[in-house]
């Protein structure tokens, strides 16, 4: 759980370089899935990162495209998420986009891991969904 005033786990900053509060960033999507869908693929990807940090399986499943949605989402105990870097966001057309990102984490053993992925997103009925991605 993160306080609504705490900096958002996704690391997005305002124009002055200050971390945006969770409630003004990913929280508005993660905590209000039915009422406020992410407006674009990058916002959805950032909110999914925050959902991993906060272990919000409900949000992750709901934003996974039905064609690829797992029956359940589990989390590795003791993983510490360290940060997110969005490297690229490409709008392909009105209903397809790709986002390249690097997410950093520390495993319980202390080993540092970088997840580098180019993710594919699709928009259906006004909502963006994560489809799949290629590890880089």
C-alpha atoms as a PDB file:
ATOM      1  CA  UNK A   1       0.000   0.000   0.000  1.00  0.00           C
ATOM      2  CA  UNK A   2       1.252   3.475  -0.828  1.00  0.00           C
ATOM      3  CA  UNK A   3      -0.126   6.704   0.535  1.00  0.00           C
ATOM      4  CA  UNK A   4      -1.860   8.844  -2.076  1.00  0.00           C
ATOM      5  CA  UNK A   5       0.620  11.688  -1.385  1.00  0.00           C
ATOM      6  CA  UNK A   6       3.736   9.494  -1.704  1.00  0.00           C
ATOM      7  CA  UNK A   7       5.736   9.626  -4.934  1.00  0.00           C
ATOM      8  CA  UNK A   8       4.359   7.260  -7.550  1.00  0.00           C
ATOM      9  CA  UNK A   9       6.350   4.027  -7.925  1.00  0.00           C
ATOM     10  CA  UNK A  10       6.578   4.577 -11.706  1.00  0.00           C
ATOM     11  CA  UNK A  11       8.870   7.567 -11.167  1.00  0.00           C
ATOM     12  CA  UNK A  12       7.034  10.055 -13.378  1.00  0.00           C
ATOM     13  CA  UNK A  13       7.992  13.656 -12.525  1.00  0.00           C
ATOM     14  CA  UNK A  14       6.359  17.029 -12.942  1.00  0.00           C
ATOM     15  CA  UNK A  15       7.894  19.912 -14.926  1.00  0.00           C
ATOM     16  CA  UNK A  16      10.070  20.862 -11.929  1.00  0.00           C
ATOM     17  CA  UNK A  17      11.497  17.339 -11.674  1.00  0.00           C
ATOM     18  CA  UNK A  18       9.560  16.370  -8.543  1.00  0.00           C
ATOM     19  CA  UNK A  19       8.027  12.901  -8.360  1.00  0.00           C
ATOM     20  CA  UNK A  20       4.293  13.006  -9.001  1.00  0.00           C
ATOM     21  CA  UNK A  21       2.134  11.847  -6.083  1.00  0.00           C
ATOM     22  CA  UNK A  22       0.687   8.371  -6.560  1.00  0.00           C
ATOM     23  CA  UNK A  23      -2.896   9.718  -6.456  1.00  0.00           C
ATOM     24  CA  UNK A  24      -2.178  12.121  -9.345  1.00  0.00           C
ATOM     25  CA  UNK A  25      -0.237   9.562 -11.369  1.00  0.00           C
ATOM     26  CA  UNK A  26      -0.859   5.806 -11.501  1.00  0.00           C
ATOM     27  CA  UNK A  27      -3.164   5.738  -8.483  1.00  0.00           C
ATOM     28  CA  UNK A  28      -6.012   7.288 -10.433  1.00  0.00           C
ATOM     29  CA  UNK A  29      -5.952   4.256 -12.756  1.00  0.00           C
ATOM     30  CA  UNK A  30      -4.939   1.444 -10.388  1.00  0.00           C
ATOM     31  CA  UNK A  31      -7.371   2.452  -7.637  1.00  0.00           C
ATOM     32  CA  UNK A  32     -10.238   3.319 -10.006  1.00  0.00           C
ATOM     33  CA  UNK A  33     -10.056   0.738 -12.765  1.00  0.00           C
ATOM     34  CA  UNK A  34     -13.713   0.935 -13.765  1.00  0.00           C
ATOM     35  CA  UNK A  35     -13.933   4.715 -13.713  1.00  0.00           C
ATOM     36  CA  UNK A  36     -10.610   5.972 -15.026  1.00  0.00           C
ATOM     37  CA  UNK A  37      -8.835   3.906 -17.676  1.00  0.00           C
ATOM     38  CA  UNK A  38      -5.269   4.815 -18.632  1.00  0.00           C
ATOM     39  CA  UNK A  39      -5.440   7.273 -21.555  1.00  0.00           C
ATOM     40  CA  UNK A  40      -2.580   5.772 -23.570  1.00  0.00           C
ATOM     41  CA  UNK A  41      -0.228   2.804 -23.718  1.00  0.00           C
ATOM     42  CA  UNK A  42       2.577   4.526 -21.809  1.00  0.00           C
ATOM     43  CA  UNK A  43       0.260   5.457 -18.928  1.00  0.00           C
ATOM     44  CA  UNK A  44      -1.031   1.877 -18.858  1.00  0.00           C
ATOM     45  CA  UNK A  45       2.503   0.471 -18.835  1.00  0.00           C
ATOM     46  CA  UNK A  46       3.512   2.808 -16.000  1.00  0.00           C
ATOM     47  CA  UNK A  47       0.397   1.917 -14.012  1.00  0.00           C
ATOM     48  CA  UNK A  48       1.084  -1.798 -14.529  1.00  0.00           C
ATOM     49  CA  UNK A  49       4.613  -1.283 -13.183  1.00  0.00           C
ATOM     50  CA  UNK A  50       3.097   0.430 -10.127  1.00  0.00           C
ATOM     51  CA  UNK A  51       0.639  -2.459  -9.781  1.00  0.00           C
ATOM     52  CA  UNK A  52       3.558  -4.919  -9.730  1.00  0.00           C
ATOM     53  CA  UNK A  53       5.260  -2.840  -7.032  1.00  0.00           C
ATOM     54  CA  UNK A  54       2.024  -2.728  -5.011  1.00  0.00           C
ATOM     55  CA  UNK A  55       1.136  -6.362  -5.768  1.00  0.00           C
ATOM     56  CA  UNK A  56      -2.219  -5.469  -7.287  1.00  0.00           C
ATOM     57  CA  UNK A  57      -3.028  -8.667  -9.183  1.00  0.00           C
ATOM     58  CA  UNK A  58      -6.595  -7.459  -9.805  1.00  0.00           C
ATOM     59  CA  UNK A  59      -5.372  -4.497 -11.839  1.00  0.00           C
ATOM     60  CA  UNK A  60      -2.758  -6.514 -13.701  1.00  0.00           C
ATOM     61  CA  UNK A  61      -5.278  -9.149 -14.774  1.00  0.00           C
ATOM     62  CA  UNK A  62      -7.895  -6.547 -15.733  1.00  0.00           C
ATOM     63  CA  UNK A  63      -5.432  -4.686 -17.968  1.00  0.00           C
ATOM     64  CA  UNK A  64      -4.028  -7.812 -19.642  1.00  0.00           C
ATOM     65  CA  UNK A  65      -5.615  -8.501 -23.019  1.00  0.00           C
ATOM     66  CA  UNK A  66      -8.059 -11.423 -22.804  1.00  0.00           C
ATOM     67  CA  UNK A  67      -6.136 -13.343 -25.485  1.00  0.00           C
ATOM     68  CA  UNK A  68      -3.032 -13.516 -23.263  1.00  0.00           C
ATOM     69  CA  UNK A  69      -4.417 -12.999 -19.730  1.00  0.00           C
ATOM     70  CA  UNK A  70      -3.076 -15.521 -17.208  1.00  0.00           C
ATOM     71  CA  UNK A  71      -5.538 -17.224 -14.885  1.00  0.00           C
ATOM     72  CA  UNK A  72      -3.682 -15.766 -11.922  1.00  0.00           C
ATOM     73  CA  UNK A  73      -0.827 -13.400 -11.173  1.00  0.00           C
ATOM     74  CA  UNK A  74       1.676 -14.223  -8.451  1.00  0.00           C
ATOM     75  CA  UNK A  75       4.447 -12.177  -6.914  1.00  0.00           C
ATOM     76  CA  UNK A  76       7.894 -13.253  -5.791  1.00  0.00           C
ATOM     77  CA  UNK A  77       8.289 -12.769  -2.044  1.00  0.00           C
ATOM     78  CA  UNK A  78      11.059 -10.366  -1.112  1.00  0.00           C
ATOM     79  CA  UNK A  79      11.492  -8.701  -4.513  1.00  0.00           C
ATOM     80  CA  UNK A  80      12.322  -4.998  -4.209  1.00  0.00           C
ATOM     81  CA  UNK A  81      11.381  -2.899  -7.227  1.00  0.00           C
ATOM     82  CA  UNK A  82      13.988  -0.176  -7.767  1.00  0.00           C
ATOM     83  CA  UNK A  83      12.759   1.919 -10.655  1.00  0.00           C
ATOM     84  CA  UNK A  84      11.358   2.283 -14.129  1.00  0.00           C
ATOM     85  CA  UNK A  85      12.781   3.953 -17.214  1.00  0.00           C
ATOM     86  CA  UNK A  86      10.535   4.428 -20.247  1.00  0.00           C
ATOM     87  CA  UNK A  87      12.804   4.472 -23.282  1.00  0.00           C
ATOM     88  CA  UNK A  88      10.291   4.753 -26.102  1.00  0.00           C
ATOM     89  CA  UNK A  89       6.543   5.048 -26.735  1.00  0.00           C
ATOM     90  CA  UNK A  90       5.351   4.532 -30.304  1.00  0.00           C
ATOM     91  CA  UNK A  91       1.770   4.940 -31.435  1.00  0.00           C
ATOM     92  CA  UNK A  92       1.337   2.598 -34.389  1.00  0.00           C
ATOM     93  CA  UNK A  93      -2.287   3.490 -35.141  1.00  0.00           C
ATOM     94  CA  UNK A  94      -5.481   4.374 -33.238  1.00  0.00           C
ATOM     95  CA  UNK A  95      -5.608   0.995 -31.525  1.00  0.00           C
ATOM     96  CA  UNK A  96      -2.003  -0.252 -31.370  1.00  0.00           C
ATOM     97  CA  UNK A  97       1.077   1.038 -29.578  1.00  0.00           C
ATOM     98  CA  UNK A  98       4.428  -0.162 -28.257  1.00  0.00           C
ATOM     99  CA  UNK A  99       6.373   0.899 -25.192  1.00  0.00           C
ATOM    100  CA  UNK A 100      10.009   0.063 -24.530  1.00  0.00           C
ATOM    101  CA  UNK A 101      11.046   0.140 -20.890  1.00  0.00           C
ATOM    102  CA  UNK A 102      13.624  -1.031 -18.389  1.00  0.00           C
ATOM    103  CA  UNK A 103      12.429  -2.027 -14.918  1.00  0.00           C
ATOM    104  CA  UNK A 104      15.029  -2.645 -12.226  1.00  0.00           C
ATOM    105  CA  UNK A 105      14.571  -4.923  -9.250  1.00  0.00           C
ATOM    106  CA  UNK A 106      16.538  -6.668  -6.550  1.00  0.00           C
ATOM    107  CA  UNK A 107      15.854 -10.338  -5.870  1.00  0.00           C
ATOM    108  CA  UNK A 108      15.756 -11.632  -2.279  1.00  0.00           C
ATOM    109  CA  UNK A 109      19.231 -13.105  -2.844  1.00  0.00           C
ATOM    110  CA  UNK A 110      20.529  -9.571  -3.443  1.00  0.00           C
ATOM    111  CA  UNK A 111      21.004 -10.079  -7.190  1.00  0.00           C
ATOM    112  CA  UNK A 112      20.113  -7.012  -9.288  1.00  0.00           C
ATOM    113  CA  UNK A 113      17.950  -7.636 -12.363  1.00  0.00           C
ATOM    114  CA  UNK A 114      17.036  -5.421 -15.316  1.00  0.00           C
ATOM    115  CA  UNK A 115      13.883  -6.286 -17.225  1.00  0.00           C
ATOM    116  CA  UNK A 116      14.165  -4.689 -20.661  1.00  0.00           C
ATOM    117  CA  UNK A 117      11.081  -5.184 -22.804  1.00  0.00           C
ATOM    118  CA  UNK A 118       9.318  -3.802 -25.852  1.00  0.00           C
ATOM    119  CA  UNK A 119       5.652  -4.280 -24.969  1.00  0.00           C
ATOM    120  CA  UNK A 120       2.683  -4.359 -27.313  1.00  0.00           C
ATOM    121  CA  UNK A 121      -0.654  -2.766 -26.410  1.00  0.00           C
ATOM    122  CA  UNK A 122      -4.061  -2.755 -28.034  1.00  0.00           C
ATOM    123  CA  UNK A 123      -7.018  -0.442 -27.507  1.00  0.00           C
ATOM    124  CA  UNK A 124     -10.500  -1.934 -27.443  1.00  0.00           C
ATOM    125  CA  UNK A 125     -13.726  -0.156 -26.522  1.00  0.00           C
ATOM    126  CA  UNK A 126     -11.750   2.896 -25.391  1.00  0.00           C
ATOM    127  CA  UNK A 127      -9.424   0.967 -23.050  1.00  0.00           C
ATOM    128  CA  UNK A 128      -5.779   0.040 -23.517  1.00  0.00           C
ATOM    129  CA  UNK A 129      -4.625  -3.513 -22.744  1.00  0.00           C
ATOM    130  CA  UNK A 130      -1.183  -5.091 -22.444  1.00  0.00           C
ATOM    131  CA  UNK A 131      -0.868  -7.900 -25.013  1.00  0.00           C
ATOM    132  CA  UNK A 132       2.691  -9.195 -24.759  1.00  0.00           C
ATOM    133  CA  UNK A 133       6.287  -8.136 -25.184  1.00  0.00           C
ATOM    134  CA  UNK A 134       9.730  -9.077 -26.384  1.00  0.00           C
ATOM    135  CA  UNK A 135      12.585  -9.094 -23.906  1.00  0.00           C
ATOM    136  CA  UNK A 136      15.529  -7.099 -25.154  1.00  0.00           C
END
